[in-house]
C-alpha atoms as a PDB file:
ATOM      1  CA  MET A   1      35.108  26.547 -31.673  1.00  0.00           C
ATOM      2  CA  ALA A   2      37.005  26.561 -34.151  1.00  0.00           C
ATOM      3  CA  ARG A   3      38.788  29.292 -35.667  1.00  0.00           C
ATOM      4  CA  GLY A   4      41.246  30.998 -38.438  1.00  0.00           C
ATOM      5  CA  PRO A   5      44.114  32.783 -38.603  1.00  0.00           C
ATOM      6  CA  GLY A   6      42.322  35.972 -37.983  1.00  0.00           C
ATOM      7  CA  GLY A   7      39.992  34.607 -35.312  1.00  0.00           C
ATOM      8  CA  GLU A   8      36.951  34.646 -37.179  1.00  0.00           C
ATOM      9  CA  VAL A   9      34.432  31.729 -36.687  1.00  0.00           C
ATOM     10  CA  VAL A  10      35.563  28.480 -39.088  1.00  0.00           C
ATOM     11  CA  TYR A  11      31.906  27.547 -40.930  1.00  0.00           C
ATOM     12  CA  MET A  12      31.473  24.223 -42.298  1.00  0.00           C
ATOM     13  CA  PRO A  13      30.560  24.966 -46.241  1.00  0.00           C
ATOM     14  CA  THR A  14      28.438  21.259 -46.347  1.00  0.00           C
ATOM     15  CA  THR A  15      26.698  20.805 -43.212  1.00  0.00           C
ATOM     16  CA  ILE A  16      23.935  22.975 -41.639  1.00  0.00           C
ATOM     17  CA  PHE A  17      22.115  23.528 -38.158  1.00  0.00           C
ATOM     18  CA  ILE A  18      18.547  22.943 -37.841  1.00  0.00           C
ATOM     19  CA  GLY A  19      17.183  24.830 -34.924  1.00  0.00           C
ATOM     20  CA  ASP A  20      13.935  25.126 -33.084  1.00  0.00           C
ATOM     21  CA  LEU A  21      12.912  21.202 -34.194  1.00  0.00           C
ATOM     22  CA  PRO A  22       9.462  20.130 -32.307  1.00  0.00           C
ATOM     23  CA  GLU A  23       9.970  16.987 -29.606  1.00  0.00           C
ATOM     24  CA  GLY A  24      10.142  14.049 -30.927  1.00  0.00           C
ATOM     25  CA  THR A  25      11.594  14.651 -34.663  1.00  0.00           C
ATOM     26  CA  MET A  26      13.170  11.795 -36.332  1.00  0.00           C
ATOM     27  CA  GLN A  27      15.829  11.348 -38.716  1.00  0.00           C
ATOM     28  CA  GLU A  28      13.054   9.941 -41.014  1.00  0.00           C
ATOM     29  CA  GLU A  29      11.591  13.329 -41.260  1.00  0.00           C
ATOM     30  CA  LEU A  30      14.264  15.516 -41.717  1.00  0.00           C
ATOM     31  CA  HIS A  31      15.694  13.241 -44.378  1.00  0.00           C
ATOM     32  CA  ALA A  32      12.381  13.450 -46.353  1.00  0.00           C
ATOM     33  CA  MET A  33      12.365  17.131 -46.253  1.00  0.00           C
ATOM     34  CA  PHE A  34      15.883  17.611 -47.038  1.00  0.00           C
ATOM     35  CA  ARG A  35      16.911  14.964 -49.590  1.00  0.00           C
ATOM     36  CA  ARG A  36      15.257  17.044 -52.469  1.00  0.00           C
ATOM     37  CA  PHE A  37      18.385  19.683 -52.562  1.00  0.00           C
ATOM     38  CA  GLY A  38      21.012  17.081 -52.281  1.00  0.00           C
ATOM     39  CA  GLU A  39      22.632  13.551 -51.299  1.00  0.00           C
ATOM     40  CA  ILE A  40      22.944  13.508 -47.385  1.00  0.00           C
ATOM     41  CA  GLU A  41      26.260  12.297 -46.325  1.00  0.00           C
ATOM     42  CA  GLU A  42      25.084  12.458 -42.602  1.00  0.00           C
ATOM     43  CA  LEU A  43      22.496  13.249 -40.633  1.00  0.00           C
ATOM     44  CA  ARG A  44      22.241  13.491 -36.883  1.00  0.00           C
ATOM     45  CA  VAL A  45      19.699  14.818 -34.411  1.00  0.00           C
ATOM     46  CA  THR A  46      20.705  15.734 -31.256  1.00  0.00           C
ATOM     47  CA  GLY A  47      17.081  15.209 -29.091  1.00  0.00           C
ATOM     48  CA  LYS A  48      17.786  18.852 -27.777  1.00  0.00           C
ATOM     49  CA  GLY A  49      15.561  20.220 -30.554  1.00  0.00           C
ATOM     50  CA  PHE A  50      18.046  20.703 -33.112  1.00  0.00           C
ATOM     51  CA  ALA A  51      19.945  18.725 -35.832  1.00  0.00           C
ATOM     52  CA  PHE A  52      23.216  18.723 -37.776  1.00  0.00           C
ATOM     53  CA  ILE A  53      22.851  17.629 -41.789  1.00  0.00           C
ATOM     54  CA  GLN A  54      25.590  16.995 -43.878  1.00  0.00           C
ATOM     55  CA  PHE A  55      25.476  17.626 -48.213  1.00  0.00           C
ATOM     56  CA  SER A  56      27.979  16.385 -50.224  1.00  0.00           C
ATOM     57  CA  THR A  57      27.765  20.101 -51.706  1.00  0.00           C
ATOM     58  CA  LYS A  58      28.024  23.278 -51.107  1.00  0.00           C
ATOM     59  CA  PRO A  59      25.399  24.389 -53.434  1.00  0.00           C
ATOM     60  CA  ALA A  60      22.932  21.464 -51.528  1.00  0.00           C
ATOM     61  CA  ALA A  61      24.146  23.147 -48.120  1.00  0.00           C
ATOM     62  CA  ASP A  62      23.603  26.496 -49.999  1.00  0.00           C
ATOM     63  CA  ASN A  63      20.124  26.128 -51.321  1.00  0.00           C
ATOM     64  CA  ALA A  64      18.615  24.049 -48.395  1.00  0.00           C
ATOM     65  CA  ILE A  65      19.512  27.389 -46.101  1.00  0.00           C
ATOM     66  CA  ALA A  66      17.762  29.465 -48.471  1.00  0.00           C
ATOM     67  CA  ALA A  67      14.686  27.293 -49.238  1.00  0.00           C
ATOM     68  CA  MET A  68      14.026  25.961 -45.505  1.00  0.00           C
ATOM     69  CA  GLN A  69      14.546  29.170 -43.212  1.00  0.00           C
ATOM     70  CA  ASN A  70      11.414  29.260 -40.902  1.00  0.00           C
ATOM     71  CA  VAL A  71       9.529  26.414 -42.958  1.00  0.00           C
ATOM     72  CA  GLY A  72       6.721  25.189 -40.292  1.00  0.00           C
ATOM     73  CA  LEU A  73       7.467  21.701 -39.127  1.00  0.00           C
ATOM     74  CA  ARG A  74       4.473  20.592 -37.099  1.00  0.00           C
ATOM     75  CA  GLY A  75       3.334  23.725 -36.165  1.00  0.00           C
ATOM     76  CA  LYS A  76       7.267  25.467 -35.030  1.00  0.00           C
ATOM     77  CA  LYS A  77       9.139  27.223 -37.551  1.00  0.00           C
ATOM     78  CA  ILE A  78      12.658  25.705 -37.946  1.00  0.00           C
ATOM     79  CA  ARG A  79      16.068  27.249 -38.572  1.00  0.00           C
ATOM     80  CA  VAL A  80      18.435  26.855 -40.755  1.00  0.00           C
ATOM     81  CA  ALA A  81      22.094  27.961 -41.007  1.00  0.00           C
ATOM     82  CA  ARG A  82      25.890  26.800 -41.933  1.00  0.00           C
ATOM     83  CA  ALA A  83      27.266  25.268 -39.005  1.00  0.00           C
ATOM     84  CA  ARG A  84      30.264  26.077 -37.381  1.00  0.00           C
ATOM     85  CA  GLN A  85      32.930  23.925 -37.240  1.00  0.00           C
ATOM     86  CA  GLY A  86      34.047  22.437 -33.690  1.00  0.00           C
ATOM     87  CA  ARG A  87      31.240  22.327 -31.399  1.00  0.00           C
ATOM     88  CA  GLY A  88      28.681  22.412 -34.241  1.00  0.00           C
ATOM     89  CA  ARG A  89      27.199  25.839 -32.882  1.00  0.00           C
ATOM     90  CA  VAL A  90      24.952  27.781 -35.246  1.00  0.00           C
ATOM     91  CA  PRO A  91      25.809  31.705 -35.439  1.00  0.00           C
ATOM     92  CA  PRO A  92      23.482  33.949 -33.680  1.00  0.00           C
ATOM     93  CA  GLU A  93      22.075  34.887 -37.310  1.00  0.00           C
ATOM     94  CA  THR A  94      20.298  32.817 -38.845  1.00  0.00           C
ATOM     95  CA  SER A  95      20.212  34.002 -42.413  1.00  0.00           C
ATOM     96  CA  GLY A  96      22.630  31.351 -43.688  1.00  0.00           C
ATOM     97  CA  ASN A  97      25.016  34.093 -44.703  1.00  0.00           C
ATOM     98  CA  GLY A  98      28.065  32.885 -42.593  1.00  0.00           C
ATOM     99  CA  GLY A  99      30.381  32.410 -45.241  1.00  0.00           C
ATOM    100  CA  GLY A 100      32.240  29.167 -45.809  1.00  0.00           C
END
């Protein structure tokens, strides 16, 4: 995991982590849910219950984090947070206030 000069975790300003996805969630499904926040440059579903979306701007990522936290998707509440640089890990708190 990448660290800043002071040892702090470095967050990716335009990339969000989406966790607790229902099994079988498809890229097209997430694209339809998140495209209203701005241009999606990359969307990757891992198949392990989480995904990453890179938006073209930080405000788009910020708005997606704020609006989509705990939204229901096929009966499950999803978690949305700013992605960490490096291995793409999400912070333990998922409030989206990770800086960046």
